[in-house]
C-alpha atoms as a PDB file:
ATOM      1  CA  MET A   1       0.000   0.000   0.000  1.00  0.00           C
ATOM      2  CA  LYS A   2       1.373   3.405  -0.934  1.00  0.00           C
ATOM      3  CA  ILE A   3       1.637   5.850   1.943  1.00  0.00           C
ATOM      4  CA  GLN A   4      -0.765   8.641   0.980  1.00  0.00           C
ATOM      5  CA  ASN A   5      -0.525  11.439   3.526  1.00  0.00           C
ATOM      6  CA  LEU A   6       3.035  12.431   4.400  1.00  0.00           C
ATOM      7  CA  ASN A   7       2.147  16.010   5.406  1.00  0.00           C
ATOM      8  CA  HIS A   8       3.108  15.493   9.030  1.00  0.00           C
ATOM      9  CA  ALA A   9       6.146  13.307   8.430  1.00  0.00           C
ATOM     10  CA  ASN A  10       9.787  13.924   7.646  1.00  0.00           C
ATOM     11  CA  VAL A  11      10.827  11.662   4.792  1.00  0.00           C
ATOM     12  CA  ILE A  12      14.408  10.418   4.797  1.00  0.00           C
ATOM     13  CA  GLU A  13      15.863   9.009   1.592  1.00  0.00           C
ATOM     14  CA  CYS A  14      18.458   6.371   2.407  1.00  0.00           C
ATOM     15  CA  LYS A  15      19.650   2.843   1.713  1.00  0.00           C
ATOM     16  CA  LEU A  16      18.808  -0.120   3.901  1.00  0.00           C
ATOM     17  CA  ALA A  17      20.889  -3.236   3.269  1.00  0.00           C
ATOM     18  CA  GLY A  18      22.099  -1.511   0.101  1.00  0.00           C
ATOM     19  CA  ILE A  19      18.551  -1.047  -1.215  1.00  0.00           C
ATOM     20  CA  PRO A  20      17.146   2.461  -1.876  1.00  0.00           C
ATOM     21  CA  ALA A  21      14.504   3.242   0.723  1.00  0.00           C
ATOM     22  CA  GLN A  22      12.580   6.016   2.426  1.00  0.00           C
ATOM     23  CA  ILE A  23      11.738   6.364   6.084  1.00  0.00           C
ATOM     24  CA  ALA A  24       8.736   8.481   7.049  1.00  0.00           C
ATOM     25  CA  VAL A  25       9.186   9.762  10.594  1.00  0.00           C
ATOM     26  CA  TRP A  26       5.964  10.941  12.195  1.00  0.00           C
ATOM     27  CA  ARG A  27       5.574  13.561  14.914  1.00  0.00           C
ATOM     28  CA  ASP A  28       4.931  10.929  17.570  1.00  0.00           C
ATOM     29  CA  ASP A  29       8.386   9.427  16.835  1.00  0.00           C
ATOM     30  CA  THR A  30       7.049   6.400  15.024  1.00  0.00           C
ATOM     31  CA  TYR A  31       8.320   5.570  11.568  1.00  0.00           C
ATOM     32  CA  THR A  32       7.329   3.717   8.426  1.00  0.00           C
ATOM     33  CA  VAL A  33       9.865   2.138   6.092  1.00  0.00           C
ATOM     34  CA  MET A  34       8.973   2.480   2.422  1.00  0.00           C
ATOM     35  CA  ASP A  35      10.543   1.415  -0.833  1.00  0.00           C
ATOM     36  CA  ARG A  36      11.911   4.095  -3.155  1.00  0.00           C
ATOM     37  CA  ARG A  37       8.459   4.566  -4.729  1.00  0.00           C
ATOM     38  CA  GLY A  38       6.768   5.291  -1.401  1.00  0.00           C
ATOM     39  CA  TYR A  39       5.105   1.930  -0.808  1.00  0.00           C
ATOM     40  CA  GLU A  40       5.152   0.517   2.699  1.00  0.00           C
ATOM     41  CA  ALA A  41       7.906  -2.129   2.792  1.00  0.00           C
ATOM     42  CA  PRO A  42       7.964  -4.314   5.906  1.00  0.00           C
ATOM     43  CA  TRP A  43      10.224  -6.749   4.028  1.00  0.00           C
ATOM     44  CA  LEU A  44      12.789  -3.956   3.688  1.00  0.00           C
ATOM     45  CA  GLU A  45      12.431  -2.969   7.335  1.00  0.00           C
ATOM     46  CA  ARG A  46      13.298  -6.558   8.320  1.00  0.00           C
ATOM     47  CA  LYS A  47      16.594  -6.292   6.407  1.00  0.00           C
ATOM     48  CA  ALA A  48      17.821  -3.572   8.788  1.00  0.00           C
ATOM     49  CA  THR A  49      18.142  -3.451  12.552  1.00  0.00           C
ATOM     50  CA  VAL A  50      16.175  -1.039  14.684  1.00  0.00           C
ATOM     51  CA  SER A  51      19.438   0.610  15.740  1.00  0.00           C
ATOM     52  CA  GLU A  52      20.418   1.201  12.078  1.00  0.00           C
ATOM     53  CA  ILE A  53      17.067   2.834  11.373  1.00  0.00           C
ATOM     54  CA  ASN A  54      17.254   4.916  14.560  1.00  0.00           C
ATOM     55  CA  ALA A  55      20.782   6.047  13.623  1.00  0.00           C
ATOM     56  CA  LEU A  56      19.516   7.266  10.231  1.00  0.00           C
ATOM     57  CA  ILE A  57      16.640   9.101  11.916  1.00  0.00           C
ATOM     58  CA  GLN A  58      19.031  10.699  14.429  1.00  0.00           C
ATOM     59  CA  LEU A  59      21.463  11.761  11.686  1.00  0.00           C
ATOM     60  CA  ASP A  60      18.628  13.355   9.711  1.00  0.00           C
ATOM     61  CA  ALA A  61      17.394  15.203  12.807  1.00  0.00           C
ATOM     62  CA  GLU A  62      20.888  16.560  13.479  1.00  0.00           C
ATOM     63  CA  GLU A  63      21.286  17.695   9.862  1.00  0.00           C
ATOM     64  CA  ARG A  64      17.888  19.448   9.923  1.00  0.00           C
ATOM     65  CA  LEU A  65      18.828  21.180  13.197  1.00  0.00           C
ATOM     66  CA  ASP A  66      22.157  22.325  11.718  1.00  0.00           C
ATOM     67  CA  ARG A  67      20.389  23.728   8.633  1.00  0.00           C
ATOM     68  CA  HIS A  68      17.870  25.512  10.867  1.00  0.00           C
ATOM     69  CA  GLN A  69      20.570  27.025  13.057  1.00  0.00           C
ATOM     70  CA  THR A  70      22.654  28.242  10.110  1.00  0.00           C
ATOM     71  CA  GLY A  71      19.605  29.563   8.259  1.00  0.00           C
ATOM     72  CA  GLU A  72      20.121  27.424   5.159  1.00  0.00           C
END
C-alpha cells in the first residue's frame, strides 16, 4: 500500500541493506519504512536493525537542526 498522507512526516531518503529506501518519521516518533516509490515495505524494514534505522533518523534530525541554526 502506498503511503498517501506524508504532510506530518519527515521523509528520509536512504539505503537499507544496500537497497534504496525512504523512512517516514511521524511527529509521535514512530516511523514507516517504504521502498523508493513510497510503498510501505515491511520486508525492507526486516533487512535492517532497529538501531540502524534509529541512527539514520538521528542523523537526519541533526542535519535538519544544523540547517535551521545556520539559516540554510
